[in-house]
């Protein structure tokens, strides 16, 4: 990926994540596990993992860490 591609604002992707997916990524950025996040949000761990998976798919990345980086880069979350 070029530096120019990293620097571009992707405003057209603003709605790419749901509020819950953003929330799950914020907790991941804070270092919380799926289990810890599920307890914090009052969800099942399976639901938290589903939101993480949906966020990864939205960005076309393999890991939740990569999804967090992409969400921060696109200014969708602010850890």
C-alpha atoms as a PDB file:
ATOM      1  CA  UNK A   1       0.000   0.000   0.000  1.00  0.00           C
ATOM      2  CA  UNK A   2       1.363   3.404  -0.918  1.00  0.00           C
ATOM      3  CA  UNK A   3       1.760   6.319   1.453  1.00  0.00           C
ATOM      4  CA  UNK A   4      -0.769   8.270  -0.630  1.00  0.00           C
ATOM      5  CA  UNK A   5      -3.341   5.495  -0.163  1.00  0.00           C
ATOM      6  CA  UNK A   6      -2.760   5.576   3.584  1.00  0.00           C
ATOM      7  CA  UNK A   7      -3.153   9.341   3.675  1.00  0.00           C
ATOM      8  CA  UNK A   8      -6.445   9.456   1.746  1.00  0.00           C
ATOM      9  CA  UNK A   9      -9.604  10.236   3.683  1.00  0.00           C
ATOM     10  CA  UNK A  10     -12.148   7.538   2.993  1.00  0.00           C
ATOM     11  CA  UNK A  11     -15.260   9.566   3.813  1.00  0.00           C
ATOM     12  CA  UNK A  12     -17.312   7.387   1.479  1.00  0.00           C
ATOM     13  CA  UNK A  13     -16.736   4.494   3.919  1.00  0.00           C
ATOM     14  CA  UNK A  14     -18.091   6.399   6.920  1.00  0.00           C
ATOM     15  CA  UNK A  15     -21.035   4.037   7.345  1.00  0.00           C
ATOM     16  CA  UNK A  16     -19.022   0.862   6.798  1.00  0.00           C
ATOM     17  CA  UNK A  17     -19.303  -0.214  10.459  1.00  0.00           C
ATOM     18  CA  UNK A  18     -22.276  -0.402  12.762  1.00  0.00           C
ATOM     19  CA  UNK A  19     -22.122   1.374  16.106  1.00  0.00           C
ATOM     20  CA  UNK A  20     -21.741  -1.990  17.871  1.00  0.00           C
ATOM     21  CA  UNK A  21     -18.870  -3.030  15.583  1.00  0.00           C
ATOM     22  CA  UNK A  22     -17.134   0.259  16.367  1.00  0.00           C
ATOM     23  CA  UNK A  23     -17.699  -0.310  20.079  1.00  0.00           C
ATOM     24  CA  UNK A  24     -16.233  -3.829  19.906  1.00  0.00           C
ATOM     25  CA  UNK A  25     -13.189  -2.494  18.022  1.00  0.00           C
ATOM     26  CA  UNK A  26     -12.727   0.241  20.630  1.00  0.00           C
ATOM     27  CA  UNK A  27     -12.579  -2.356  23.393  1.00  0.00           C
ATOM     28  CA  UNK A  28     -10.165  -4.442  21.301  1.00  0.00           C
ATOM     29  CA  UNK A  29      -8.004  -1.339  20.891  1.00  0.00           C
ATOM     30  CA  UNK A  30      -8.033  -1.008  24.686  1.00  0.00           C
ATOM     31  CA  UNK A  31      -6.600  -4.534  24.912  1.00  0.00           C
ATOM     32  CA  UNK A  32      -9.776  -6.320  26.003  1.00  0.00           C
ATOM     33  CA  UNK A  33     -10.406  -9.917  24.974  1.00  0.00           C
ATOM     34  CA  UNK A  34     -13.691 -11.074  23.464  1.00  0.00           C
ATOM     35  CA  UNK A  35     -14.609 -12.520  26.841  1.00  0.00           C
ATOM     36  CA  UNK A  36     -13.880  -9.278  28.692  1.00  0.00           C
ATOM     37  CA  UNK A  37     -15.713  -7.237  26.054  1.00  0.00           C
ATOM     38  CA  UNK A  38     -18.746  -9.497  26.318  1.00  0.00           C
ATOM     39  CA  UNK A  39     -18.905  -8.891  30.070  1.00  0.00           C
ATOM     40  CA  UNK A  40     -18.482  -5.123  29.653  1.00  0.00           C
ATOM     41  CA  UNK A  41     -21.180  -4.857  26.977  1.00  0.00           C
ATOM     42  CA  UNK A  42     -23.529  -7.467  28.415  1.00  0.00           C
ATOM     43  CA  UNK A  43     -23.348  -9.630  25.297  1.00  0.00           C
ATOM     44  CA  UNK A  44     -22.363 -13.224  24.729  1.00  0.00           C
ATOM     45  CA  UNK A  45     -18.785 -13.848  23.686  1.00  0.00           C
ATOM     46  CA  UNK A  46     -20.118 -15.363  20.463  1.00  0.00           C
ATOM     47  CA  UNK A  47     -21.906 -12.084  19.646  1.00  0.00           C
ATOM     48  CA  UNK A  48     -18.747 -10.065  20.297  1.00  0.00           C
ATOM     49  CA  UNK A  49     -16.787 -12.381  17.997  1.00  0.00           C
ATOM     50  CA  UNK A  50     -19.500 -12.019  15.345  1.00  0.00           C
ATOM     51  CA  UNK A  51     -19.195  -8.211  15.452  1.00  0.00           C
ATOM     52  CA  UNK A  52     -15.403  -8.512  15.197  1.00  0.00           C
ATOM     53  CA  UNK A  53     -15.745 -10.818  12.209  1.00  0.00           C
ATOM     54  CA  UNK A  54     -18.166  -8.420  10.493  1.00  0.00           C
ATOM     55  CA  UNK A  55     -15.713  -5.536  11.040  1.00  0.00           C
ATOM     56  CA  UNK A  56     -12.841  -7.592   9.600  1.00  0.00           C
ATOM     57  CA  UNK A  57     -14.963  -8.488   6.574  1.00  0.00           C
ATOM     58  CA  UNK A  58     -15.987  -4.846   6.066  1.00  0.00           C
ATOM     59  CA  UNK A  59     -12.326  -3.870   5.777  1.00  0.00           C
ATOM     60  CA  UNK A  60     -11.122  -7.019   4.019  1.00  0.00           C
ATOM     61  CA  UNK A  61      -8.540  -7.810   6.691  1.00  0.00           C
ATOM     62  CA  UNK A  62      -7.580 -11.012   8.483  1.00  0.00           C
ATOM     63  CA  UNK A  63      -7.255  -9.937  12.113  1.00  0.00           C
ATOM     64  CA  UNK A  64      -9.108  -7.776  14.600  1.00  0.00           C
ATOM     65  CA  UNK A  65      -5.918  -5.790  15.164  1.00  0.00           C
ATOM     66  CA  UNK A  66      -5.841  -4.933  11.466  1.00  0.00           C
ATOM     67  CA  UNK A  67      -9.513  -3.911  11.669  1.00  0.00           C
ATOM     68  CA  UNK A  68      -8.725  -1.626  14.614  1.00  0.00           C
ATOM     69  CA  UNK A  69      -5.877  -0.005  12.672  1.00  0.00           C
ATOM     70  CA  UNK A  70      -8.102   0.495   9.629  1.00  0.00           C
ATOM     71  CA  UNK A  71     -10.942   1.954  11.705  1.00  0.00           C
ATOM     72  CA  UNK A  72      -8.522   4.405  13.344  1.00  0.00           C
ATOM     73  CA  UNK A  73      -6.984   5.278   9.986  1.00  0.00           C
ATOM     74  CA  UNK A  74     -10.431   6.023   8.567  1.00  0.00           C
ATOM     75  CA  UNK A  75     -11.279   8.024  11.700  1.00  0.00           C
ATOM     76  CA  UNK A  76     -14.223   5.765  12.518  1.00  0.00           C
ATOM     77  CA  UNK A  77     -12.979   5.171  16.059  1.00  0.00           C
ATOM     78  CA  UNK A  78     -10.804   7.258  18.347  1.00  0.00           C
ATOM     79  CA  UNK A  79      -9.150   5.076  21.011  1.00  0.00           C
END
